[in-house]
Amino acid sequence: MSEMRTAIDDEDETAGAGRGGRLLRLGGWLLVVVGLAAGITLAFDTSAITTFFAVLLGVVILRSGWFFLQSFATPPPEPPEPGTLRKVKLVYRCAICGAEVRMTAAPSEEPEPPRHCMEDMDLLAPID
């Protein structure tokens, strides 16, 4: 029974992934807004257009707030494993002979400077 439930859940997730799924969700939200606006209009005897736009604005504010709260609650991705190279753009210069080295990959984001002429090279500036 649980295998059938997961298969149905997987189908539901893939159905909402495309453009048709987005339009379906948007139609569902629009239906909720219209229904809520109609209920408020009938209950409080207000203008239908004004109530519709007020409810629409409320839903937009609610959805955007929910989006931001959800993004704050999502943990940052874990750093790559040690030994995995990361992309960096650094330029080093030897203080003795003037040789320059451009580093494009390193095991950490702030790697140790390379050595040249038996001395550590000076970091010029990160390339933006």
Protein backbone atom coordinates (compact mmCIF):
# COMPACT_ATOMS: atom_id res chain seq x y z
CA MET A 1 0.00 0.00 0.00
CA SER A 2 2.83 2.43 0.84
CA GLU A 3 4.43 1.74 -2.56
CA MET A 4 1.24 2.85 -4.29
CA ARG A 5 1.12 6.01 -2.17
CA THR A 6 4.66 7.02 -3.14
CA ALA A 7 3.98 6.37 -6.82
CA ILE A 8 0.90 8.61 -6.65
CA ASP A 9 2.87 11.31 -4.81
CA ASP A 10 5.62 11.16 -7.47
CA GLU A 11 3.02 11.60 -10.22
CA ASP A 12 1.56 14.63 -8.42
CA GLU A 13 4.99 16.24 -8.13
CA THR A 14 5.82 15.74 -11.79
CA ALA A 15 2.40 17.01 -12.91
CA GLY A 16 3.00 20.37 -11.24
CA ALA A 17 6.49 20.78 -12.67
CA GLY A 18 5.63 22.07 -16.15
CA ARG A 19 3.91 25.12 -17.53
CA GLY A 20 0.51 23.44 -17.27
CA GLY A 21 1.10 22.80 -13.56
CA ARG A 22 1.88 26.46 -12.97
CA LEU A 23 -1.25 27.54 -14.79
CA LEU A 24 -3.26 25.06 -12.76
CA ARG A 25 -1.87 26.40 -9.48
CA LEU A 26 -2.44 29.99 -10.62
CA GLY A 27 -6.04 29.11 -11.52
CA GLY A 28 -6.48 27.52 -8.10
CA TRP A 29 -5.19 30.64 -6.34
CA LEU A 30 -7.42 32.84 -8.52
CA LEU A 31 -10.41 30.67 -7.60
CA VAL A 32 -9.57 31.04 -3.90
CA VAL A 33 -9.26 34.83 -4.25
CA VAL A 34 -12.58 35.14 -6.12
CA GLY A 35 -14.36 32.89 -3.62
CA LEU A 36 -12.96 34.76 -0.64
CA ALA A 37 -13.78 38.13 -2.20
CA ALA A 38 -17.34 36.97 -2.96
CA GLY A 39 -17.80 35.77 0.63
CA ILE A 40 -16.51 39.04 2.08
CA THR A 41 -18.65 41.08 -0.34
CA LEU A 42 -21.80 39.21 0.65
CA ALA A 43 -21.01 39.24 4.37
CA PHE A 44 -20.08 42.91 4.69
CA ASP A 45 -21.98 44.44 1.74
CA THR A 46 -18.90 46.01 0.12
CA SER A 47 -17.96 46.76 -3.48
CA ALA A 48 -17.04 43.55 -5.33
CA ILE A 49 -14.14 45.09 -7.32
CA THR A 50 -12.60 46.79 -4.27
CA THR A 51 -12.90 43.63 -2.20
CA PHE A 52 -11.42 41.49 -5.00
CA PHE A 53 -8.33 43.71 -5.31
CA ALA A 54 -7.94 43.93 -1.52
CA VAL A 55 -8.03 40.15 -1.19
CA LEU A 56 -5.68 39.79 -4.19
CA LEU A 57 -3.21 42.21 -2.60
CA GLY A 58 -3.46 40.34 0.69
CA VAL A 59 -2.73 37.02 -1.02
CA VAL A 60 0.27 38.51 -2.88
CA ILE A 61 1.68 39.89 0.38
CA LEU A 62 1.08 36.57 2.14
CA ARG A 63 2.75 34.55 -0.63
CA SER A 64 5.79 36.84 -0.88
CA GLY A 65 6.20 36.80 2.91
CA TRP A 66 5.95 33.03 2.95
CA PHE A 67 8.57 32.83 0.18
CA PHE A 68 11.04 34.97 2.16
CA LEU A 69 10.44 33.08 5.40
CA GLN A 70 10.97 29.79 3.57
CA SER A 71 14.23 31.04 2.04
CA PHE A 72 15.50 32.02 5.51
CA ALA A 73 14.61 28.60 6.89
CA THR A 74 16.47 26.72 4.13
CA PRO A 75 19.98 25.82 5.32
CA PRO A 76 22.92 26.82 3.12
CA PRO A 77 24.47 24.06 1.03
CA GLU A 78 27.23 22.04 2.65
CA PRO A 79 30.79 22.93 1.62
CA PRO A 80 32.48 20.58 -0.83
CA GLU A 81 34.58 17.74 0.50
CA PRO A 82 38.21 18.47 1.37
CA GLY A 83 40.42 18.02 -1.66
CA THR A 84 37.74 19.16 -4.09
CA LEU A 85 38.95 22.10 -6.14
CA ARG A 86 36.98 25.34 -6.02
CA LYS A 87 36.99 28.07 -8.66
CA VAL A 88 39.01 31.13 -7.64
CA LYS A 89 40.36 34.08 -9.59
CA LEU A 90 43.52 35.33 -7.89
CA VAL A 91 46.69 36.97 -9.21
CA TYR A 92 49.98 36.69 -7.33
CA ARG A 93 53.30 38.51 -8.01
CA CYS A 94 56.76 37.60 -6.88
CA ALA A 95 58.28 40.55 -4.95
CA ILE A 96 61.82 39.56 -5.99
CA CYS A 97 61.66 38.91 -9.76
CA GLY A 98 58.20 40.26 -10.68
CA ALA A 99 56.80 36.98 -12.07
CA GLU A 100 53.00 36.80 -11.98
CA VAL A 101 50.76 33.76 -11.47
CA ARG A 102 47.01 33.58 -12.04
CA MET A 103 45.30 30.96 -9.88
CA THR A 104 41.98 29.64 -11.20
CA ALA A 105 41.39 26.60 -8.95
CA ALA A 106 42.33 25.91 -5.35
CA PRO A 107 41.38 23.49 -2.56
CA SER A 108 39.95 26.38 -0.47
CA GLU A 109 38.51 29.83 -1.16
CA GLU A 110 41.49 31.52 0.51
CA PRO A 111 44.47 29.38 -0.53
CA GLU A 112 48.01 29.84 0.71
CA PRO A 113 50.10 31.95 -1.68
CA PRO A 114 52.41 30.06 -4.01
CA ARG A 115 56.18 30.30 -3.49
CA HIS A 116 58.62 31.73 -6.03
CA CYS A 117 62.29 32.66 -5.55
CA MET A 118 62.07 30.90 -2.17
CA GLU A 119 59.52 33.47 -0.87
CA ASP A 120 55.71 33.63 -0.71
CA MET A 121 54.21 35.57 -3.60
CA ASP A 122 52.15 38.73 -2.90
CA LEU A 123 48.43 38.77 -3.69
CA LEU A 124 47.73 41.58 -6.15
CA ALA A 125 43.94 41.51 -6.13
CA PRO A 126 41.13 39.11 -6.80
CA ILE A 127 39.90 39.37 -10.38
CA ASP A 128 36.19 40.28 -10.55
